[in-house]
PDB file of N, CA and C in Angstrom:
ATOM      1  N   UNK A   1     117.014 111.790 124.920  1.00  0.00           N
ATOM      2  CA  UNK A   1     117.392 112.638 123.825  1.00  0.00           C
ATOM      3  C   UNK A   1     118.911 112.812 123.763  1.00  0.00           C
ATOM      4  N   UNK A   2     119.624 111.887 124.345  1.00  0.00           N
ATOM      5  CA  UNK A   2     121.082 111.967 124.338  1.00  0.00           C
ATOM      6  C   UNK A   2     121.639 111.383 123.046  1.00  0.00           C
ATOM      7  N   UNK A   3     122.810 111.828 122.670  1.00  0.00           N
ATOM      8  CA  UNK A   3     123.485 111.233 121.519  1.00  0.00           C
ATOM      9  C   UNK A   3     124.453 110.143 121.960  1.00  0.00           C
ATOM     10  N   UNK A   4     124.467 109.836 123.254  1.00  0.00           N
ATOM     11  CA  UNK A   4     125.331 108.788 123.781  1.00  0.00           C
ATOM     12  C   UNK A   4     124.571 107.462 123.782  1.00  0.00           C
ATOM     13  N   UNK A   5     124.421 106.870 122.610  1.00  0.00           N
ATOM     14  CA  UNK A   5     123.715 105.607 122.488  1.00  0.00           C
ATOM     15  C   UNK A   5     124.625 104.587 121.826  1.00  0.00           C
ATOM     16  N   UNK A   6     124.319 103.328 122.059  1.00  0.00           N
ATOM     17  CA  UNK A   6     125.076 102.257 121.420  1.00  0.00           C
ATOM     18  C   UNK A   6     124.164 101.060 121.206  1.00  0.00           C
ATOM     19  N   UNK A   7     124.483 100.252 120.217  1.00  0.00           N
ATOM     20  CA  UNK A   7     123.753  99.029 119.924  1.00  0.00           C
ATOM     21  C   UNK A   7     124.204  97.946 120.885  1.00  0.00           C
ATOM     22  N   UNK A   8     123.254  97.244 121.516  1.00  0.00           N
ATOM     23  CA  UNK A   8     123.571  96.192 122.473  1.00  0.00           C
ATOM     24  C   UNK A   8     122.764  94.954 122.118  1.00  0.00           C
ATOM     25  N   UNK A   9     123.455  93.815 121.939  1.00  0.00           N
ATOM     26  CA  UNK A   9     122.750  92.555 121.715  1.00  0.00           C
ATOM     27  C   UNK A   9     122.235  92.026 123.043  1.00  0.00           C
ATOM     28  N   UNK A  10     121.014  91.473 123.028  1.00  0.00           N
ATOM     29  CA  UNK A  10     120.437  90.878 124.231  1.00  0.00           C
ATOM     30  C   UNK A  10     120.034  89.445 123.919  1.00  0.00           C
ATOM     31  N   UNK A  11     119.920  88.625 124.961  1.00  0.00           N
ATOM     32  CA  UNK A  11     119.527  87.229 124.738  1.00  0.00           C
ATOM     33  C   UNK A  11     118.029  87.013 124.897  1.00  0.00           C
ATOM     34  N   UNK A  12     117.280  88.048 125.260  1.00  0.00           N
ATOM     35  CA  UNK A  12     115.829  87.939 125.368  1.00  0.00           C
ATOM     36  C   UNK A  12     115.334  87.400 126.691  1.00  0.00           C
ATOM     37  N   UNK A  13     116.240  87.205 127.645  1.00  0.00           N
ATOM     38  CA  UNK A  13     115.831  86.721 128.969  1.00  0.00           C
ATOM     39  C   UNK A  13     115.851  87.877 129.955  1.00  0.00           C
ATOM     40  N   UNK A  14     114.922  87.825 130.895  1.00  0.00           N
ATOM     41  CA  UNK A  14     114.845  88.873 131.893  1.00  0.00           C
ATOM     42  C   UNK A  14     114.038  88.416 133.083  1.00  0.00           C
ATOM     43  N   UNK A  15     113.553  89.387 133.852  1.00  0.00           N
ATOM     44  CA  UNK A  15     112.711  89.046 135.007  1.00  0.00           C
ATOM     45  C   UNK A  15     111.498  89.957 135.006  1.00  0.00           C
ATOM     46  N   UNK A  16     110.423  89.422 135.536  1.00  0.00           N
ATOM     47  CA  UNK A  16     109.155  90.138 135.620  1.00  0.00           C
ATOM     48  C   UNK A  16     109.188  91.022 136.863  1.00  0.00           C
ATOM     49  N   UNK A  17     109.101  92.335 136.663  1.00  0.00           N
ATOM     50  CA  UNK A  17     109.164  93.279 137.781  1.00  0.00           C
ATOM     51  C   UNK A  17     107.780  93.487 138.398  1.00  0.00           C
ATOM     52  N   UNK A  18     106.803  93.776 137.561  1.00  0.00           N
ATOM     53  CA  UNK A  18     105.411  93.986 137.987  1.00  0.00           C
ATOM     54  C   UNK A  18     104.503  93.424 136.900  1.00  0.00           C
ATOM     55  N   UNK A  19     103.251  93.131 137.245  1.00  0.00           N
ATOM     56  CA  UNK A  19     102.309  92.658 136.238  1.00  0.00           C
ATOM     57  C   UNK A  19     100.888  92.965 136.676  1.00  0.00           C
ATOM     58  N   UNK A  20      99.981  92.961 135.706  1.00  0.00           N
ATOM     59  CA  UNK A  20      98.577  93.219 135.974  1.00  0.00           C
ATOM     60  C   UNK A  20      97.723  92.521 134.922  1.00  0.00           C
ATOM     61  N   UNK A  21      96.604  92.026 135.351  1.00  0.00           N
ATOM     62  CA  UNK A  21      95.651  91.399 134.444  1.00  0.00           C
ATOM     63  C   UNK A  21      94.774  92.484 133.821  1.00  0.00           C
ATOM     64  N   UNK A  22      94.497  92.349 132.537  1.00  0.00           N
ATOM     65  CA  UNK A  22      93.593  93.279 131.862  1.00  0.00           C
ATOM     66  C   UNK A  22      92.170  92.979 132.311  1.00  0.00           C
ATOM     67  N   UNK A  23      91.387  94.004 132.495  1.00  0.00           N
ATOM     68  CA  UNK A  23      90.010  93.826 132.919  1.00  0.00           C
ATOM     69  C   UNK A  23      89.018  94.070 131.788  1.00  0.00           C
ATOM     70  N   UNK A  24      89.507  94.030 130.549  1.00  0.00           N
ATOM     71  CA  UNK A  24      88.618  94.124 129.398  1.00  0.00           C
ATOM     72  C   UNK A  24      88.070  92.734 129.101  1.00  0.00           C
ATOM     73  N   UNK A  25      86.766  92.501 129.254  1.00  0.00           N
ATOM     74  CA  UNK A  25      86.213  91.154 129.099  1.00  0.00           C
ATOM     75  C   UNK A  25      86.413  90.579 127.699  1.00  0.00           C
ATOM     76  N   UNK A  26      86.434  91.418 126.675  1.00  0.00           N
ATOM     77  CA  UNK A  26      86.585  90.911 125.310  1.00  0.00           C
ATOM     78  C   UNK A  26      88.041  90.611 124.953  1.00  0.00           C
ATOM     79  N   UNK A  27      88.995  91.048 125.773  1.00  0.00           N
ATOM     80  CA  UNK A  27      90.414  90.821 125.476  1.00  0.00           C
ATOM     81  C   UNK A  27      91.173  90.482 126.753  1.00  0.00           C
ATOM     82  N   UNK A  28      90.915  89.325 127.357  1.00  0.00           N
ATOM     83  CA  UNK A  28      91.636  88.984 128.583  1.00  0.00           C
ATOM     84  C   UNK A  28      93.126  88.783 128.292  1.00  0.00           C
ATOM     85  N   UNK A  29      93.969  89.416 129.062  1.00  0.00           N
ATOM     86  CA  UNK A  29      95.409  89.269 128.892  1.00  0.00           C
ATOM     87  C   UNK A  29      96.128  89.811 130.115  1.00  0.00           C
ATOM     88  N   UNK A  30      97.422  89.561 130.159  1.00  0.00           N
ATOM     89  CA  UNK A  30      98.277  90.025 131.255  1.00  0.00           C
ATOM     90  C   UNK A  30      99.384  90.873 130.655  1.00  0.00           C
ATOM     91  N   UNK A  31      99.660  91.993 131.299  1.00  0.00           N
ATOM     92  CA  UNK A  31     100.746  92.870 130.881  1.00  0.00           C
ATOM     93  C   UNK A  31     101.709  93.025 132.045  1.00  0.00           C
ATOM     94  N   UNK A  32     102.970  93.252 131.724  1.00  0.00           N
ATOM     95  CA  UNK A  32     103.943  93.391 132.791  1.00  0.00           C
ATOM     96  C   UNK A  32     105.119  94.258 132.406  1.00  0.00           C
ATOM     97  N   UNK A  33     105.875  94.624 133.416  1.00  0.00           N
ATOM     98  CA  UNK A  33     107.128  95.346 133.239  1.00  0.00           C
ATOM     99  C   UNK A  33     108.237  94.316 133.356  1.00  0.00           C
ATOM    100  N   UNK A  34     109.021  94.173 132.301  1.00  0.00           N
ATOM    101  CA  UNK A  34     110.093  93.183 132.246  1.00  0.00           C
ATOM    102  C   UNK A  34     111.426  93.915 132.231  1.00  0.00           C
ATOM    103  N   UNK A  35     112.361  93.440 133.062  1.00  0.00           N
ATOM    104  CA  UNK A  35     113.706  94.018 133.061  1.00  0.00           C
ATOM    105  C   UNK A  35     114.666  93.040 132.411  1.00  0.00           C
ATOM    106  N   UNK A  36     115.358  93.501 131.374  1.00  0.00           N
ATOM    107  CA  UNK A  36     116.376  92.724 130.678  1.00  0.00           C
ATOM    108  C   UNK A  36     117.753  93.142 131.180  1.00  0.00           C
ATOM    109  N   UNK A  37     118.807  92.525 130.632  1.00  0.00           N
ATOM    110  CA  UNK A  37     120.169  92.951 130.940  1.00  0.00           C
ATOM    111  C   UNK A  37     120.344  94.421 130.574  1.00  0.00           C
ATOM    112  N   UNK A  38     121.378  95.019 131.071  1.00  0.00           N
ATOM    113  CA  UNK A  38     121.728  96.408 130.774  1.00  0.00           C
ATOM    114  C   UNK A  38     120.651  97.380 131.255  1.00  0.00           C
ATOM    115  N   UNK A  39     119.868  96.961 132.262  1.00  0.00           N
ATOM    116  CA  UNK A  39     118.819  97.806 132.859  1.00  0.00           C
ATOM    117  C   UNK A  39     117.780  98.284 131.850  1.00  0.00           C
ATOM    118  N   UNK A  40     117.533  97.483 130.825  1.00  0.00           N
ATOM    119  CA  UNK A  40     116.489  97.794 129.844  1.00  0.00           C
ATOM    120  C   UNK A  40     115.164  97.299 130.404  1.00  0.00           C
ATOM    121  N   UNK A  41     114.156  98.158 130.441  1.00  0.00           N
ATOM    122  CA  UNK A  41     112.829  97.783 130.921  1.00  0.00           C
ATOM    123  C   UNK A  41     111.805  97.997 129.817  1.00  0.00           C
ATOM    124  N   UNK A  42     110.931  97.007 129.646  1.00  0.00           N
ATOM    125  CA  UNK A  42     109.903  97.043 128.611  1.00  0.00           C
ATOM    126  C   UNK A  42     108.549  96.724 129.207  1.00  0.00           C
ATOM    127  N   UNK A  43     107.520  97.371 128.715  1.00  0.00           N
ATOM    128  CA  UNK A  43     106.152  96.979 129.037  1.00  0.00           C
ATOM    129  C   UNK A  43     105.735  95.995 127.955  1.00  0.00           C
ATOM    130  N   UNK A  44     105.263  94.833 128.372  1.00  0.00           N
ATOM    131  CA  UNK A  44     105.022  93.755 127.422  1.00  0.00           C
ATOM    132  C   UNK A  44     103.800  92.935 127.803  1.00  0.00           C
ATOM    133  N   UNK A  45     103.288  92.222 126.820  1.00  0.00           N
ATOM    134  CA  UNK A  45     102.237  91.230 127.072  1.00  0.00           C
ATOM    135  C   UNK A  45     102.927  89.979 127.621  1.00  0.00           C
ATOM    136  N   UNK A  46     102.316  89.364 128.629  1.00  0.00           N
ATOM    137  CA  UNK A  46     102.871  88.153 129.235  1.00  0.00           C
ATOM    138  C   UNK A  46     101.966  86.991 128.855  1.00  0.00           C
ATOM    139  N   UNK A  47     102.502  86.034 128.098  1.00  0.00           N
ATOM    140  CA  UNK A  47     101.753  84.846 127.692  1.00  0.00           C
ATOM    141  C   UNK A  47     101.847  83.818 128.814  1.00  0.00           C
ATOM    142  N   UNK A  48     100.698  83.490 129.398  1.00  0.00           N
ATOM    143  CA  UNK A  48     100.692  82.579 130.536  1.00  0.00           C
ATOM    144  C   UNK A  48      99.331  81.896 130.625  1.00  0.00           C
ATOM    145  N   UNK A  49      99.336  80.569 130.677  1.00  0.00           N
ATOM    146  CA  UNK A  49      98.081  79.830 130.784  1.00  0.00           C
ATOM    147  C   UNK A  49      97.468  79.948 132.181  1.00  0.00           C
ATOM    148  N   UNK A  50      98.313  80.077 133.188  1.00  0.00           N
ATOM    149  CA  UNK A  50      97.847  80.141 134.576  1.00  0.00           C
ATOM    150  C   UNK A  50      98.402  81.401 135.242  1.00  0.00           C
ATOM    151  N   UNK A  51      97.570  82.417 135.361  1.00  0.00           N
ATOM    152  CA  UNK A  51      98.007  83.692 135.941  1.00  0.00           C
ATOM    153  C   UNK A  51      98.497  83.497 137.373  1.00  0.00           C
ATOM    154  N   UNK A  52      98.002  82.472 138.048  1.00  0.00           N
ATOM    155  CA  UNK A  52      98.402  82.238 139.435  1.00  0.00           C
ATOM    156  C   UNK A  52      99.876  81.866 139.562  1.00  0.00           C
ATOM    157  N   UNK A  53     100.508  81.404 138.462  1.00  0.00           N
ATOM    158  CA  UNK A  53     101.925  81.049 138.535  1.00  0.00           C
ATOM    159  C   UNK A  53     102.831  82.283 138.428  1.00  0.00           C
ATOM    160  N   UNK A  54     102.267  83.426 138.049  1.00  0.00           N
ATOM    161  CA  UNK A  54     103.068  84.637 137.918  1.00  0.00           C
ATOM    162  C   UNK A  54     103.378  85.231 139.282  1.00  0.00           C
ATOM    163  N   UNK A  55     104.627  85.604 139.451  1.00  0.00           N
ATOM    164  CA  UNK A  55     105.076  86.261 140.668  1.00  0.00           C
ATOM    165  C   UNK A  55     106.152  87.265 140.286  1.00  0.00           C
ATOM    166  N   UNK A  56     106.325  88.277 141.099  1.00  0.00           N
ATOM    167  CA  UNK A  56     107.399  89.233 140.864  1.00  0.00           C
ATOM    168  C   UNK A  56     108.741  88.520 140.880  1.00  0.00           C
ATOM    169  N   UNK A  57     109.643  88.974 140.016  1.00  0.00           N
ATOM    170  CA  UNK A  57     111.026  88.499 139.946  1.00  0.00           C
ATOM    171  C   UNK A  57     111.193  87.144 139.257  1.00  0.00           C
ATOM    172  N   UNK A  58     110.116  86.519 138.737  1.00  0.00           N
ATOM    173  CA  UNK A  58     110.310  85.239 138.051  1.00  0.00           C
ATOM    174  C   UNK A  58     111.012  85.494 136.716  1.00  0.00           C
ATOM    175  N   UNK A  59     111.801  84.526 136.244  1.00  0.00           N
ATOM    176  CA  UNK A  59     112.468  84.692 134.953  1.00  0.00           C
ATOM    177  C   UNK A  59     111.473  84.545 133.798  1.00  0.00           C
ATOM    178  N   UNK A  60     111.684  85.340 132.773  1.00  0.00           N
ATOM    179  CA  UNK A  60     110.860  85.305 131.568  1.00  0.00           C
ATOM    180  C   UNK A  60     111.776  85.343 130.346  1.00  0.00           C
ATOM    181  N   UNK A  61     111.215  84.947 129.197  1.00  0.00           N
ATOM    182  CA  UNK A  61     111.983  85.037 127.949  1.00  0.00           C
ATOM    183  C   UNK A  61     111.107  85.626 126.860  1.00  0.00           C
ATOM    184  N   UNK A  62     111.754  86.264 125.931  1.00  0.00           N
ATOM    185  CA  UNK A  62     111.071  86.913 124.822  1.00  0.00           C
ATOM    186  C   UNK A  62     110.526  85.869 123.859  1.00  0.00           C
ATOM    187  N   UNK A  63     109.231  85.943 123.571  1.00  0.00           N
ATOM    188  CA  UNK A  63     108.598  85.070 122.584  1.00  0.00           C
ATOM    189  C   UNK A  63     108.625  85.700 121.199  1.00  0.00           C
ATOM    190  N   UNK A  64     108.218  86.956 121.129  1.00  0.00           N
ATOM    191  CA  UNK A  64     108.181  87.666 119.852  1.00  0.00           C
ATOM    192  C   UNK A  64     108.168  89.158 120.115  1.00  0.00           C
ATOM    193  N   UNK A  65     108.604  89.870 119.117  1.00  0.00           N
ATOM    194  CA  UNK A  65     108.535  91.331 119.159  1.00  0.00           C
ATOM    195  C   UNK A  65     108.438  91.829 117.726  1.00  0.00           C
ATOM    196  N   UNK A  66     108.029  93.034 117.563  1.00  0.00           N
ATOM    197  CA  UNK A  66     107.905  93.578 116.226  1.00  0.00           C
ATOM    198  C   UNK A  66     107.223  94.926 116.248  1.00  0.00           C
ATOM    199  N   UNK A  67     106.708  95.289 115.092  1.00  0.00           N
ATOM    200  CA  UNK A  67     106.009  96.555 114.940  1.00  0.00           C
ATOM    201  C   UNK A  67     104.594  96.273 114.462  1.00  0.00           C
ATOM    202  N   UNK A  68     103.635  96.942 115.066  1.00  0.00           N
ATOM    203  CA  UNK A  68     102.242  96.888 114.649  1.00  0.00           C
ATOM    204  C   UNK A  68     101.911  98.303 114.190  1.00  0.00           C
ATOM    205  N   UNK A  69     101.832  98.490 112.880  1.00  0.00           N
ATOM    206  CA  UNK A  69     101.792  99.826 112.286  1.00  0.00           C
ATOM    207  C   UNK A  69     103.103 100.509 112.673  1.00  0.00           C
ATOM    208  N   UNK A  70     103.072 101.549 113.447  1.00  0.00           N
ATOM    209  CA  UNK A  70     104.327 102.194 113.869  1.00  0.00           C
ATOM    210  C   UNK A  70     104.587 101.996 115.364  1.00  0.00           C
ATOM    211  N   UNK A  71     103.847 101.069 115.993  1.00  0.00           N
ATOM    212  CA  UNK A  71     103.986 100.832 117.430  1.00  0.00           C
ATOM    213  C   UNK A  71     104.742  99.530 117.692  1.00  0.00           C
ATOM    214  N   UNK A  72     105.790  99.573 118.514  1.00  0.00           N
ATOM    215  CA  UNK A  72     106.491  98.329 118.848  1.00  0.00           C
ATOM    216  C   UNK A  72     105.668  97.486 119.827  1.00  0.00           C
ATOM    217  N   UNK A  73     105.846  96.162 119.758  1.00  0.00           N
ATOM    218  CA  UNK A  73     105.207  95.282 120.738  1.00  0.00           C
ATOM    219  C   UNK A  73     106.198  94.208 121.174  1.00  0.00           C
ATOM    220  N   UNK A  74     105.994  93.695 122.396  1.00  0.00           N
ATOM    221  CA  UNK A  74     106.850  92.662 122.968  1.00  0.00           C
ATOM    222  C   UNK A  74     105.947  91.661 123.671  1.00  0.00           C
ATOM    223  N   UNK A  75     106.306  90.381 123.557  1.00  0.00           N
ATOM    224  CA  UNK A  75     105.578  89.325 124.278  1.00  0.00           C
ATOM    225  C   UNK A  75     106.590  88.409 124.946  1.00  0.00           C
ATOM    226  N   UNK A  76     106.369  88.142 126.223  1.00  0.00           N
ATOM    227  CA  UNK A  76     107.256  87.286 127.012  1.00  0.00           C
ATOM    228  C   UNK A  76     106.453  86.132 127.602  1.00  0.00           C
ATOM    229  N   UNK A  77     107.177  85.094 128.036  1.00  0.00           N
ATOM    230  CA  UNK A  77     106.564  83.981 128.761  1.00  0.00           C
ATOM    231  C   UNK A  77     107.467  83.577 129.922  1.00  0.00           C
ATOM    232  N   UNK A  78     106.871  83.039 130.993  1.00  0.00           N
ATOM    233  CA  UNK A  78     107.678  82.553 132.111  1.00  0.00           C
ATOM    234  C   UNK A  78     108.539  81.367 131.667  1.00  0.00           C
ATOM    235  N   UNK A  79     109.720  81.245 132.271  1.00  0.00           N
ATOM    236  CA  UNK A  79     110.580  80.078 132.007  1.00  0.00           C
ATOM    237  C   UNK A  79     110.917  79.370 133.292  1.00  0.00           C
TER     238      UNK A  79
END
């Protein structure tokens, strides 16, 4: 709630801090905490064909982001 904010351009690359597989059988997916430059952290969907290749600290890049109704979403993939 601070008024000390500024616009910062990012390149969309970061690292995967933590991740977890969804246990909903009708919607299998992986979600993770991604850290970008400037200590920005986002909870995002991780697009990955092989969950076994995911490890903490691996580099990821932004695939897409946007708004779904009034909710923001982010999707990353390993690089």
